[in-house]
Amino acid sequence: MASVTPKASWFKITLIRSGIGMTERQNGVLKALGLRHRMKTVYHPVSPDTAGMIMKVKELLAVSEVDKPLTPAEIHAKRQPPKGYYVEEPGALRNIESS
């Protein structure tokens, strides 16, 4: 029987609240996770070490588990609001009238 390898999963970690006023140790954990600014999102592979760091500053973070990390361009594209309009293809109206 073939063994099934589980998909590598990642923690999606977003800093929601600032580290101002936190202990030096907690600020060190934020720095180790790569979180410097509010609303910054980073991806780390799921591991006991990463989970331990998240637990140290869990009050400041929003954490979810995802299948694959997004690139910075994909994150930026996801944050863009809808345009509020769409452009129809030229000639689309002519095709309907000729039917």
PDB file of N, CA and C in Angstrom:
ATOM      1  N   MET A   1       0.841  -1.177   0.000  1.00  0.00           N
ATOM      2  CA  MET A   1       0.000   0.000   0.000  1.00  0.00           C
ATOM      3  C   MET A   1       0.886   1.241   0.000  1.00  0.00           C
ATOM      4  N   ALA A   2       0.614   2.153  -0.883  1.00  0.00           N
ATOM      5  CA  ALA A   2       1.432   3.360  -1.002  1.00  0.00           C
ATOM      6  C   ALA A   2       1.103   4.320   0.131  1.00  0.00           C
ATOM      7  N   SER A   3       2.137   4.949   0.635  1.00  0.00           N
ATOM      8  CA  SER A   3       1.905   5.919   1.711  1.00  0.00           C
ATOM      9  C   SER A   3       1.507   7.260   1.106  1.00  0.00           C
ATOM     10  N   VAL A   4       0.596   7.901   1.751  1.00  0.00           N
ATOM     11  CA  VAL A   4       0.107   9.193   1.282  1.00  0.00           C
ATOM     12  C   VAL A   4       0.863  10.279   2.031  1.00  0.00           C
ATOM     13  N   THR A   5       1.513  11.143   1.283  1.00  0.00           N
ATOM     14  CA  THR A   5       2.220  12.241   1.935  1.00  0.00           C
ATOM     15  C   THR A   5       1.260  13.411   2.093  1.00  0.00           C
ATOM     16  N   PRO A   6       1.149  13.946   3.295  1.00  0.00           N
ATOM     17  CA  PRO A   6       0.225  15.066   3.493  1.00  0.00           C
ATOM     18  C   PRO A   6       0.745  16.314   2.803  1.00  0.00           C
ATOM     19  N   LYS A   7      -0.201  17.150   2.397  1.00  0.00           N
ATOM     20  CA  LYS A   7       0.189  18.415   1.785  1.00  0.00           C
ATOM     21  C   LYS A   7       0.887  19.277   2.823  1.00  0.00           C
ATOM     22  N   ALA A   8       1.905  19.969   2.385  1.00  0.00           N
ATOM     23  CA  ALA A   8       2.566  20.897   3.292  1.00  0.00           C
ATOM     24  C   ALA A   8       1.618  22.052   3.550  1.00  0.00           C
ATOM     25  N   SER A   9       1.366  22.330   4.806  1.00  0.00           N
ATOM     26  CA  SER A   9       0.477  23.439   5.115  1.00  0.00           C
ATOM     27  C   SER A   9       1.282  24.562   5.754  1.00  0.00           C
ATOM     28  N   TRP A  10       0.727  25.732   5.688  1.00  0.00           N
ATOM     29  CA  TRP A  10       1.406  26.938   6.133  1.00  0.00           C
ATOM     30  C   TRP A  10       0.511  27.708   7.089  1.00  0.00           C
ATOM     31  N   PHE A  11       1.134  28.427   8.019  1.00  0.00           N
ATOM     32  CA  PHE A  11       0.420  29.383   8.848  1.00  0.00           C
ATOM     33  C   PHE A  11       0.405  30.715   8.112  1.00  0.00           C
ATOM     34  N   LYS A  12      -0.767  31.296   7.976  1.00  0.00           N
ATOM     35  CA  LYS A  12      -0.887  32.661   7.467  1.00  0.00           C
ATOM     36  C   LYS A  12      -1.048  33.533   8.707  1.00  0.00           C
ATOM     37  N   ILE A  13      -0.043  34.364   8.996  1.00  0.00           N
ATOM     38  CA  ILE A  13      -0.007  35.136  10.236  1.00  0.00           C
ATOM     39  C   ILE A  13      -0.072  36.616   9.896  1.00  0.00           C
ATOM     40  N   THR A  14      -1.036  37.323  10.470  1.00  0.00           N
ATOM     41  CA  THR A  14      -1.196  38.758  10.253  1.00  0.00           C
ATOM     42  C   THR A  14      -1.121  39.462  11.596  1.00  0.00           C
ATOM     43  N   LEU A  15      -0.303  40.501  11.665  1.00  0.00           N
ATOM     44  CA  LEU A  15      -0.190  41.298  12.889  1.00  0.00           C
ATOM     45  C   LEU A  15      -1.351  42.282  12.924  1.00  0.00           C
ATOM     46  N   ILE A  16      -2.275  42.095  13.863  1.00  0.00           N
ATOM     47  CA  ILE A  16      -3.464  42.930  13.972  1.00  0.00           C
ATOM     48  C   ILE A  16      -3.232  44.093  14.932  1.00  0.00           C
ATOM     49  N   ARG A  17      -2.590  43.818  16.062  1.00  0.00           N
ATOM     50  CA  ARG A  17      -2.346  44.858  17.057  1.00  0.00           C
ATOM     51  C   ARG A  17      -0.854  45.098  17.181  1.00  0.00           C
ATOM     52  N   SER A  18      -0.489  46.308  17.533  1.00  0.00           N
ATOM     53  CA  SER A  18       0.907  46.705  17.633  1.00  0.00           C
ATOM     54  C   SER A  18       1.584  46.043  18.831  1.00  0.00           C
ATOM     55  N   GLY A  19       2.887  45.902  18.735  1.00  0.00           N
ATOM     56  CA  GLY A  19       3.668  45.342  19.825  1.00  0.00           C
ATOM     57  C   GLY A  19       4.130  46.378  20.832  1.00  0.00           C
ATOM     58  N   ILE A  20       3.690  47.620  20.674  1.00  0.00           N
ATOM     59  CA  ILE A  20       4.071  48.679  21.612  1.00  0.00           C
ATOM     60  C   ILE A  20       3.510  48.332  22.986  1.00  0.00           C
ATOM     61  N   GLY A  21       4.348  48.425  24.003  1.00  0.00           N
ATOM     62  CA  GLY A  21       3.924  48.125  25.363  1.00  0.00           C
ATOM     63  C   GLY A  21       4.109  46.670  25.742  1.00  0.00           C
ATOM     64  N   MET A  22       4.482  45.827  24.796  1.00  0.00           N
ATOM     65  CA  MET A  22       4.726  44.419  25.096  1.00  0.00           C
ATOM     66  C   MET A  22       6.140  44.269  25.658  1.00  0.00           C
ATOM     67  N   THR A  23       6.401  43.140  26.264  1.00  0.00           N
ATOM     68  CA  THR A  23       7.723  42.908  26.836  1.00  0.00           C
ATOM     69  C   THR A  23       8.754  42.771  25.715  1.00  0.00           C
ATOM     70  N   GLU A  24       9.999  42.898  26.095  1.00  0.00           N
ATOM     71  CA  GLU A  24      11.082  42.786  25.114  1.00  0.00           C
ATOM     72  C   GLU A  24      11.087  41.393  24.479  1.00  0.00           C
ATOM     73  N   ARG A  25      10.744  40.402  25.276  1.00  0.00           N
ATOM     74  CA  ARG A  25      10.711  39.030  24.772  1.00  0.00           C
ATOM     75  C   ARG A  25       9.611  38.862  23.715  1.00  0.00           C
ATOM     76  N   GLN A  26       8.439  39.435  23.963  1.00  0.00           N
ATOM     77  CA  GLN A  26       7.346  39.334  23.000  1.00  0.00           C
ATOM     78  C   GLN A  26       7.674  40.099  21.720  1.00  0.00           C
ATOM     79  N   ASN A  27       8.314  41.256  21.855  1.00  0.00           N
ATOM     80  CA  ASN A  27       8.728  41.997  20.663  1.00  0.00           C
ATOM     81  C   ASN A  27       9.782  41.220  19.884  1.00  0.00           C
ATOM     82  N   GLY A  28      10.622  40.476  20.581  1.00  0.00           N
ATOM     83  CA  GLY A  28      11.599  39.623  19.912  1.00  0.00           C
ATOM     84  C   GLY A  28      10.934  38.512  19.119  1.00  0.00           C
ATOM     85  N   VAL A  29       9.848  37.973  19.651  1.00  0.00           N
ATOM     86  CA  VAL A  29       9.095  36.935  18.939  1.00  0.00           C
ATOM     87  C   VAL A  29       8.484  37.514  17.670  1.00  0.00           C
ATOM     88  N   LEU A  30       7.912  38.726  17.775  1.00  0.00           N
ATOM     89  CA  LEU A  30       7.342  39.366  16.583  1.00  0.00           C
ATOM     90  C   LEU A  30       8.411  39.576  15.522  1.00  0.00           C
ATOM     91  N   LYS A  31       9.588  40.001  15.956  1.00  0.00           N
ATOM     92  CA  LYS A  31      10.690  40.227  15.014  1.00  0.00           C
ATOM     93  C   LYS A  31      11.125  38.903  14.378  1.00  0.00           C
ATOM     94  N   ALA A  32      11.170  37.838  15.171  1.00  0.00           N
ATOM     95  CA  ALA A  32      11.563  36.524  14.649  1.00  0.00           C
ATOM     96  C   ALA A  32      10.541  36.000  13.636  1.00  0.00           C
ATOM     97  N   LEU A  33       9.275  36.342  13.838  1.00  0.00           N
ATOM     98  CA  LEU A  33       8.243  35.935  12.882  1.00  0.00           C
ATOM     99  C   LEU A  33       8.255  36.798  11.625  1.00  0.00           C
ATOM    100  N   GLY A  34       8.967  37.925  11.660  1.00  0.00           N
ATOM    101  CA  GLY A  34       9.027  38.809  10.497  1.00  0.00           C
ATOM    102  C   GLY A  34       7.905  39.822  10.471  1.00  0.00           C
ATOM    103  N   LEU A  35       7.322  40.099  11.632  1.00  0.00           N
ATOM    104  CA  LEU A  35       6.207  41.044  11.715  1.00  0.00           C
ATOM    105  C   LEU A  35       6.696  42.347  12.334  1.00  0.00           C
ATOM    106  N   ARG A  36       6.720  43.399  11.540  1.00  0.00           N
ATOM    107  CA  ARG A  36       7.174  44.695  12.030  1.00  0.00           C
ATOM    108  C   ARG A  36       6.065  45.728  12.047  1.00  0.00           C
ATOM    109  N   HIS A  37       5.155  45.647  11.105  1.00  0.00           N
ATOM    110  CA  HIS A  37       4.101  46.654  10.971  1.00  0.00           C
ATOM    111  C   HIS A  37       2.733  45.994  11.079  1.00  0.00           C
ATOM    112  N   ARG A  38       1.768  46.768  11.548  1.00  0.00           N
ATOM    113  CA  ARG A  38       0.395  46.270  11.616  1.00  0.00           C
ATOM    114  C   ARG A  38      -0.099  45.915  10.219  1.00  0.00           C
ATOM    115  N   MET A  39      -0.957  44.929  10.166  1.00  0.00           N
ATOM    116  CA  MET A  39      -1.577  44.425   8.940  1.00  0.00           C
ATOM    117  C   MET A  39      -0.574  43.765   7.985  1.00  0.00           C
ATOM    118  N   LYS A  40       0.619  43.496   8.448  1.00  0.00           N
ATOM    119  CA  LYS A  40       1.610  42.765   7.668  1.00  0.00           C
ATOM    120  C   LYS A  40       1.287  41.279   7.762  1.00  0.00           C
ATOM    121  N   THR A  41       1.322  40.585   6.643  1.00  0.00           N
ATOM    122  CA  THR A  41       1.031  39.155   6.599  1.00  0.00           C
ATOM    123  C   THR A  41       2.273  38.399   6.174  1.00  0.00           C
ATOM    124  N   VAL A  42       2.585  37.344   6.916  1.00  0.00           N
ATOM    125  CA  VAL A  42       3.712  36.472   6.577  1.00  0.00           C
ATOM    126  C   VAL A  42       3.220  35.028   6.582  1.00  0.00           C
ATOM    127  N   TYR A  43       3.969  34.169   5.931  1.00  0.00           N
ATOM    128  CA  TYR A  43       3.650  32.743   5.868  1.00  0.00           C
ATOM    129  C   TYR A  43       4.818  31.960   6.442  1.00  0.00           C
ATOM    130  N   HIS A  44       4.509  31.013   7.325  1.00  0.00           N
ATOM    131  CA  HIS A  44       5.512  30.132   7.909  1.00  0.00           C
ATOM    132  C   HIS A  44       4.999  28.701   7.818  1.00  0.00           C
ATOM    133  N   PRO A  45       5.894  27.740   7.567  1.00  0.00           N
ATOM    134  CA  PRO A  45       5.446  26.347   7.543  1.00  0.00           C
ATOM    135  C   PRO A  45       4.950  25.921   8.927  1.00  0.00           C
ATOM    136  N   VAL A  46       3.982  25.032   8.939  1.00  0.00           N
ATOM    137  CA  VAL A  46       3.442  24.542  10.207  1.00  0.00           C
ATOM    138  C   VAL A  46       4.509  23.694  10.886  1.00  0.00           C
ATOM    139  N   SER A  47       4.879  24.098  12.091  1.00  0.00           N
ATOM    140  CA  SER A  47       5.851  23.351  12.886  1.00  0.00           C
ATOM    141  C   SER A  47       5.604  23.670  14.357  1.00  0.00           C
ATOM    142  N   PRO A  48       6.075  22.819  15.251  1.00  0.00           N
ATOM    143  CA  PRO A  48       5.900  23.103  16.677  1.00  0.00           C
ATOM    144  C   PRO A  48       6.597  24.395  17.110  1.00  0.00           C
ATOM    145  N   ASP A  49       7.745  24.701  16.508  1.00  0.00           N
ATOM    146  CA  ASP A  49       8.462  25.927  16.859  1.00  0.00           C
ATOM    147  C   ASP A  49       7.644  27.163  16.505  1.00  0.00           C
ATOM    148  N   THR A  50       7.096  27.167  15.297  1.00  0.00           N
ATOM    149  CA  THR A  50       6.287  28.305  14.859  1.00  0.00           C
ATOM    150  C   THR A  50       5.024  28.416  15.708  1.00  0.00           C
ATOM    151  N   ALA A  51       4.401  27.288  16.018  1.00  0.00           N
ATOM    152  CA  ALA A  51       3.193  27.306  16.843  1.00  0.00           C
ATOM    153  C   ALA A  51       3.498  27.867  18.228  1.00  0.00           C
ATOM    154  N   GLY A  52       4.653  27.541  18.780  1.00  0.00           N
ATOM    155  CA  GLY A  52       5.049  28.077  20.086  1.00  0.00           C
ATOM    156  C   GLY A  52       5.232  29.580  20.051  1.00  0.00           C
ATOM    157  N   MET A  53       5.853  30.082  18.970  1.00  0.00           N
ATOM    158  CA  MET A  53       6.032  31.534  18.850  1.00  0.00           C
ATOM    159  C   MET A  53       4.685  32.233  18.713  1.00  0.00           C
ATOM    160  N   ILE A  54       3.782  31.628  17.949  1.00  0.00           N
ATOM    161  CA  ILE A  54       2.449  32.215  17.780  1.00  0.00           C
ATOM    162  C   ILE A  54       1.732  32.284  19.129  1.00  0.00           C
ATOM    163  N   MET A  55       1.856  31.241  19.936  1.00  0.00           N
ATOM    164  CA  MET A  55       1.184  31.221  21.241  1.00  0.00           C
ATOM    165  C   MET A  55       1.709  32.306  22.176  1.00  0.00           C
ATOM    166  N   LYS A  56       2.964  32.706  22.028  1.00  0.00           N
ATOM    167  CA  LYS A  56       3.532  33.749  22.892  1.00  0.00           C
ATOM    168  C   LYS A  56       2.893  35.110  22.645  1.00  0.00           C
ATOM    169  N   VAL A  57       2.448  35.359  21.413  1.00  0.00           N
ATOM    170  CA  VAL A  57       1.888  36.675  21.062  1.00  0.00           C
ATOM    171  C   VAL A  57       0.512  36.532  20.416  1.00  0.00           C
ATOM    172  N   LYS A  58      -0.241  35.519  20.824  1.00  0.00           N
ATOM    173  CA  LYS A  58      -1.528  35.207  20.181  1.00  0.00           C
ATOM    174  C   LYS A  58      -2.533  36.338  20.269  1.00  0.00           C
ATOM    175  N   GLU A  59      -2.411  37.215  21.272  1.00  0.00           N
ATOM    176  CA  GLU A  59      -3.358  38.319  21.429  1.00  0.00           C
ATOM    177  C   GLU A  59      -3.204  39.365  20.333  1.00  0.00           C
ATOM    178  N   LEU A  60      -2.067  39.381  19.669  1.00  0.00           N
ATOM    179  CA  LEU A  60      -1.770  40.412  18.678  1.00  0.00           C
ATOM    180  C   LEU A  60      -1.989  39.936  17.246  1.00  0.00           C
ATOM    181  N   LEU A  61      -2.229  38.654  17.055  1.00  0.00           N
ATOM    182  CA  LEU A  61      -2.202  38.065  15.717  1.00  0.00           C
ATOM    183  C   LEU A  61      -3.555  37.528  15.274  1.00  0.00           C
ATOM    184  N   ALA A  62      -3.694  37.412  13.964  1.00  0.00           N
ATOM    185  CA  ALA A  62      -4.766  36.634  13.347  1.00  0.00           C
ATOM    186  C   ALA A  62      -4.064  35.517  12.583  1.00  0.00           C
ATOM    187  N   VAL A  63      -4.411  34.276  12.889  1.00  0.00           N
ATOM    188  CA  VAL A  63      -3.709  33.131  12.316  1.00  0.00           C
ATOM    189  C   VAL A  63      -4.714  32.214  11.629  1.00  0.00           C
ATOM    190  N   SER A  64      -4.336  31.746  10.447  1.00  0.00           N
ATOM    191  CA  SER A  64      -5.127  30.725   9.764  1.00  0.00           C
ATOM    192  C   SER A  64      -4.163  29.769   9.074  1.00  0.00           C
ATOM    193  N   GLU A  65      -4.664  28.601   8.721  1.00  0.00           N
ATOM    194  CA  GLU A  65      -3.840  27.603   8.052  1.00  0.00           C
ATOM    195  C   GLU A  65      -4.249  27.531   6.586  1.00  0.00           C
ATOM    196  N   VAL A  66      -3.268  27.628   5.691  1.00  0.00           N
ATOM    197  CA  VAL A  66      -3.525  27.613   4.256  1.00  0.00           C
ATOM    198  C   VAL A  66      -2.678  26.524   3.601  1.00  0.00           C
ATOM    199  N   ASP A  67      -3.064  26.146   2.381  1.00  0.00           N
ATOM    200  CA  ASP A  67      -2.342  25.095   1.661  1.00  0.00           C
ATOM    201  C   ASP A  67      -1.026  25.575   1.076  1.00  0.00           C
ATOM    202  N   LYS A  68      -1.012  26.831   0.591  1.00  0.00           N
ATOM    203  CA  LYS A  68       0.220  27.348  -0.008  1.00  0.00           C
ATOM    204  C   LYS A  68       0.326  28.838   0.281  1.00  0.00           C
ATOM    205  N   PRO A  69       1.546  29.334   0.409  1.00  0.00           N
ATOM    206  CA  PRO A  69       1.705  30.771   0.650  1.00  0.00           C
ATOM    207  C   PRO A  69       1.460  31.568  -0.624  1.00  0.00           C
ATOM    208  N   LEU A  70       0.936  32.769  -0.464  1.00  0.00           N
ATOM    209  CA  LEU A  70       0.717  33.660  -1.599  1.00  0.00           C
ATOM    210  C   LEU A  70       1.942  34.541  -1.791  1.00  0.00           C
ATOM    211  N   THR A  71       2.191  34.918  -3.030  1.00  0.00           N
ATOM    212  CA  THR A  71       3.275  35.852  -3.313  1.00  0.00           C
ATOM    213  C   THR A  71       2.807  37.256  -2.952  1.00  0.00           C
ATOM    214  N   PRO A  72       3.737  38.199  -2.765  1.00  0.00           N
ATOM    215  CA  PRO A  72       3.318  39.576  -2.474  1.00  0.00           C
ATOM    216  C   PRO A  72       2.404  40.157  -3.548  1.00  0.00           C
ATOM    217  N   ALA A  73       2.617  39.806  -4.808  1.00  0.00           N
ATOM    218  CA  ALA A  73       1.751  40.307  -5.884  1.00  0.00           C
ATOM    219  C   ALA A  73       0.335  39.746  -5.747  1.00  0.00           C
ATOM    220  N   GLU A  74       0.214  38.478  -5.361  1.00  0.00           N
ATOM    221  CA  GLU A  74      -1.105  37.876  -5.169  1.00  0.00           C
ATOM    222  C   GLU A  74      -1.831  38.498  -3.982  1.00  0.00           C
ATOM    223  N   ILE A  75      -1.095  38.792  -2.919  1.00  0.00           N
ATOM    224  CA  ILE A  75      -1.694  39.451  -1.752  1.00  0.00           C
ATOM    225  C   ILE A  75      -2.205  40.825  -2.144  1.00  0.00           C
ATOM    226  N   HIS A  76      -1.411  41.559  -2.915  1.00  0.00           N
ATOM    227  CA  HIS A  76      -1.800  42.904  -3.347  1.00  0.00           C
ATOM    228  C   HIS A  76      -3.047  42.843  -4.228  1.00  0.00           C
ATOM    229  N   ALA A  77      -3.082  41.896  -5.140  1.00  0.00           N
ATOM    230  CA  ALA A  77      -4.233  41.768  -6.036  1.00  0.00           C
ATOM    231  C   ALA A  77      -5.500  41.407  -5.257  1.00  0.00           C
ATOM    232  N   LYS A  78      -5.356  40.604  -4.212  1.00  0.00           N
ATOM    233  CA  LYS A  78      -6.505  40.215  -3.400  1.00  0.00           C
ATOM    234  C   LYS A  78      -7.077  41.391  -2.612  1.00  0.00           C
ATOM    235  N   ARG A  79      -6.235  42.344  -2.267  1.00  0.00           N
ATOM    236  CA  ARG A  79      -6.675  43.480  -1.460  1.00  0.00           C
ATOM    237  C   ARG A  79      -7.319  44.583  -2.287  1.00  0.00           C
ATOM    238  N   GLN A  80      -7.214  44.514  -3.600  1.00  0.00           N
ATOM    239  CA  GLN A  80      -7.779  45.553  -4.450  1.00  0.00           C
ATOM    240  C   GLN A  80      -9.302  45.472  -4.436  1.00  0.00           C
ATOM    241  N   PRO A  81      -9.975  46.606  -4.257  1.00  0.00           N
ATOM    242  CA  PRO A  81     -11.437  46.580  -4.287  1.00  0.00           C
ATOM    243  C   PRO A  81     -11.931  46.387  -5.719  1.00  0.00           C
ATOM    244  N   PRO A  82     -13.170  45.938  -5.886  1.00  0.00           N
ATOM    245  CA  PRO A  82     -13.701  45.805  -7.246  1.00  0.00           C
ATOM    246  C   PRO A  82     -13.820  47.173  -7.900  1.00  0.00           C
ATOM    247  N   LYS A  83     -13.668  47.219  -9.221  1.00  0.00           N
ATOM    248  CA  LYS A  83     -13.682  48.492  -9.944  1.00  0.00           C
ATOM    249  C   LYS A  83     -15.053  49.150  -9.926  1.00  0.00           C
ATOM    250  N   GLY A  84     -16.112  48.381  -9.869  1.00  0.00           N
ATOM    251  CA  GLY A  84     -17.449  48.947  -9.887  1.00  0.00           C
ATOM    252  C   GLY A  84     -18.028  49.020 -11.288  1.00  0.00           C
ATOM    253  N   TYR A  85     -17.257  48.581 -12.272  1.00  0.00           N
ATOM    254  CA  TYR A  85     -17.738  48.560 -13.649  1.00  0.00           C
ATOM    255  C   TYR A  85     -17.007  47.446 -14.381  1.00  0.00           C
ATOM    256  N   TYR A  86     -17.467  47.128 -15.564  1.00  0.00           N
ATOM    257  CA  TYR A  86     -16.759  46.167 -16.394  1.00  0.00           C
ATOM    258  C   TYR A  86     -16.842  46.639 -17.838  1.00  0.00           C
ATOM    259  N   VAL A  87     -15.907  46.214 -18.635  1.00  0.00           N
ATOM    260  CA  VAL A  87     -15.836  46.616 -20.035  1.00  0.00           C
ATOM    261  C   VAL A  87     -16.324  45.454 -20.888  1.00  0.00           C
ATOM    262  N   GLU A  88     -17.333  45.726 -21.701  1.00  0.00           N
ATOM    263  CA  GLU A  88     -17.829  44.695 -22.598  1.00  0.00           C
ATOM    264  C   GLU A  88     -16.920  44.606 -23.807  1.00  0.00           C
ATOM    265  N   GLU A  89     -16.886  43.448 -24.398  1.00  0.00           N
ATOM    266  CA  GLU A  89     -16.066  43.256 -25.584  1.00  0.00           C
ATOM    267  C   GLU A  89     -16.694  44.000 -26.755  1.00  0.00           C
ATOM    268  N   PRO A  90     -15.866  44.604 -27.611  1.00  0.00           N
ATOM    269  CA  PRO A  90     -16.434  45.279 -28.779  1.00  0.00           C
ATOM    270  C   PRO A  90     -17.116  44.270 -29.695  1.00  0.00           C
ATOM    271  N   GLY A  91     -18.243  44.640 -30.224  1.00  0.00           N
ATOM    272  CA  GLY A  91     -18.959  43.767 -31.138  1.00  0.00           C
ATOM    273  C   GLY A  91     -19.897  42.804 -30.454  1.00  0.00           C
ATOM    274  N   ALA A  92     -19.944  42.800 -29.141  1.00  0.00           N
ATOM    275  CA  ALA A  92     -20.827  41.870 -28.433  1.00  0.00           C
ATOM    276  C   ALA A  92     -22.280  42.188 -28.731  1.00  0.00           C
ATOM    277  N   LEU A  93     -22.609  43.466 -28.844  1.00  0.00           N
ATOM    278  CA  LEU A  93     -23.987  43.865 -29.120  1.00  0.00           C
ATOM    279  C   LEU A  93     -24.379  43.473 -30.544  1.00  0.00           C
ATOM    280  N   ARG A  94     -23.442  43.611 -31.500  1.00  0.00           N
ATOM    281  CA  ARG A  94     -23.732  43.249 -32.888  1.00  0.00           C
ATOM    282  C   ARG A  94     -24.032  41.762 -33.015  1.00  0.00           C
ATOM    283  N   ASN A  95     -23.352  40.922 -32.248  1.00  0.00           N
ATOM    284  CA  ASN A  95     -23.586  39.474 -32.311  1.00  0.00           C
ATOM    285  C   ASN A  95     -24.983  39.127 -31.824  1.00  0.00           C
ATOM    286  N   ILE A  96     -25.480  39.841 -30.845  1.00  0.00           N
ATOM    287  CA  ILE A  96     -26.821  39.575 -30.320  1.00  0.00           C
ATOM    288  C   ILE A  96     -27.871  40.011 -31.335  1.00  0.00           C
ATOM    289  N   GLU A  97     -27.671  41.183 -31.970  1.00  0.00           N
ATOM    290  CA  GLU A  97     -28.648  41.707 -32.924  1.00  0.00           C
ATOM    291  C   GLU A  97     -28.743  40.838 -34.171  1.00  0.00           C
ATOM    292  N   SER A  98     -27.632  40.254 -34.607  1.00  0.00           N
ATOM    293  CA  SER A  98     -27.645  39.468 -35.836  1.00  0.00           C
ATOM    294  C   SER A  98     -28.262  38.086 -35.634  1.00  0.00           C
ATOM    295  N   SER A  99     -28.473  37.664 -34.415  1.00  0.00           N
ATOM    296  CA  SER A  99     -29.048  36.333 -34.151  1.00  0.00           C
ATOM    297  C   SER A  99     -30.513  36.275 -34.438  1.00  0.00           C
TER     298      SER A  99
END
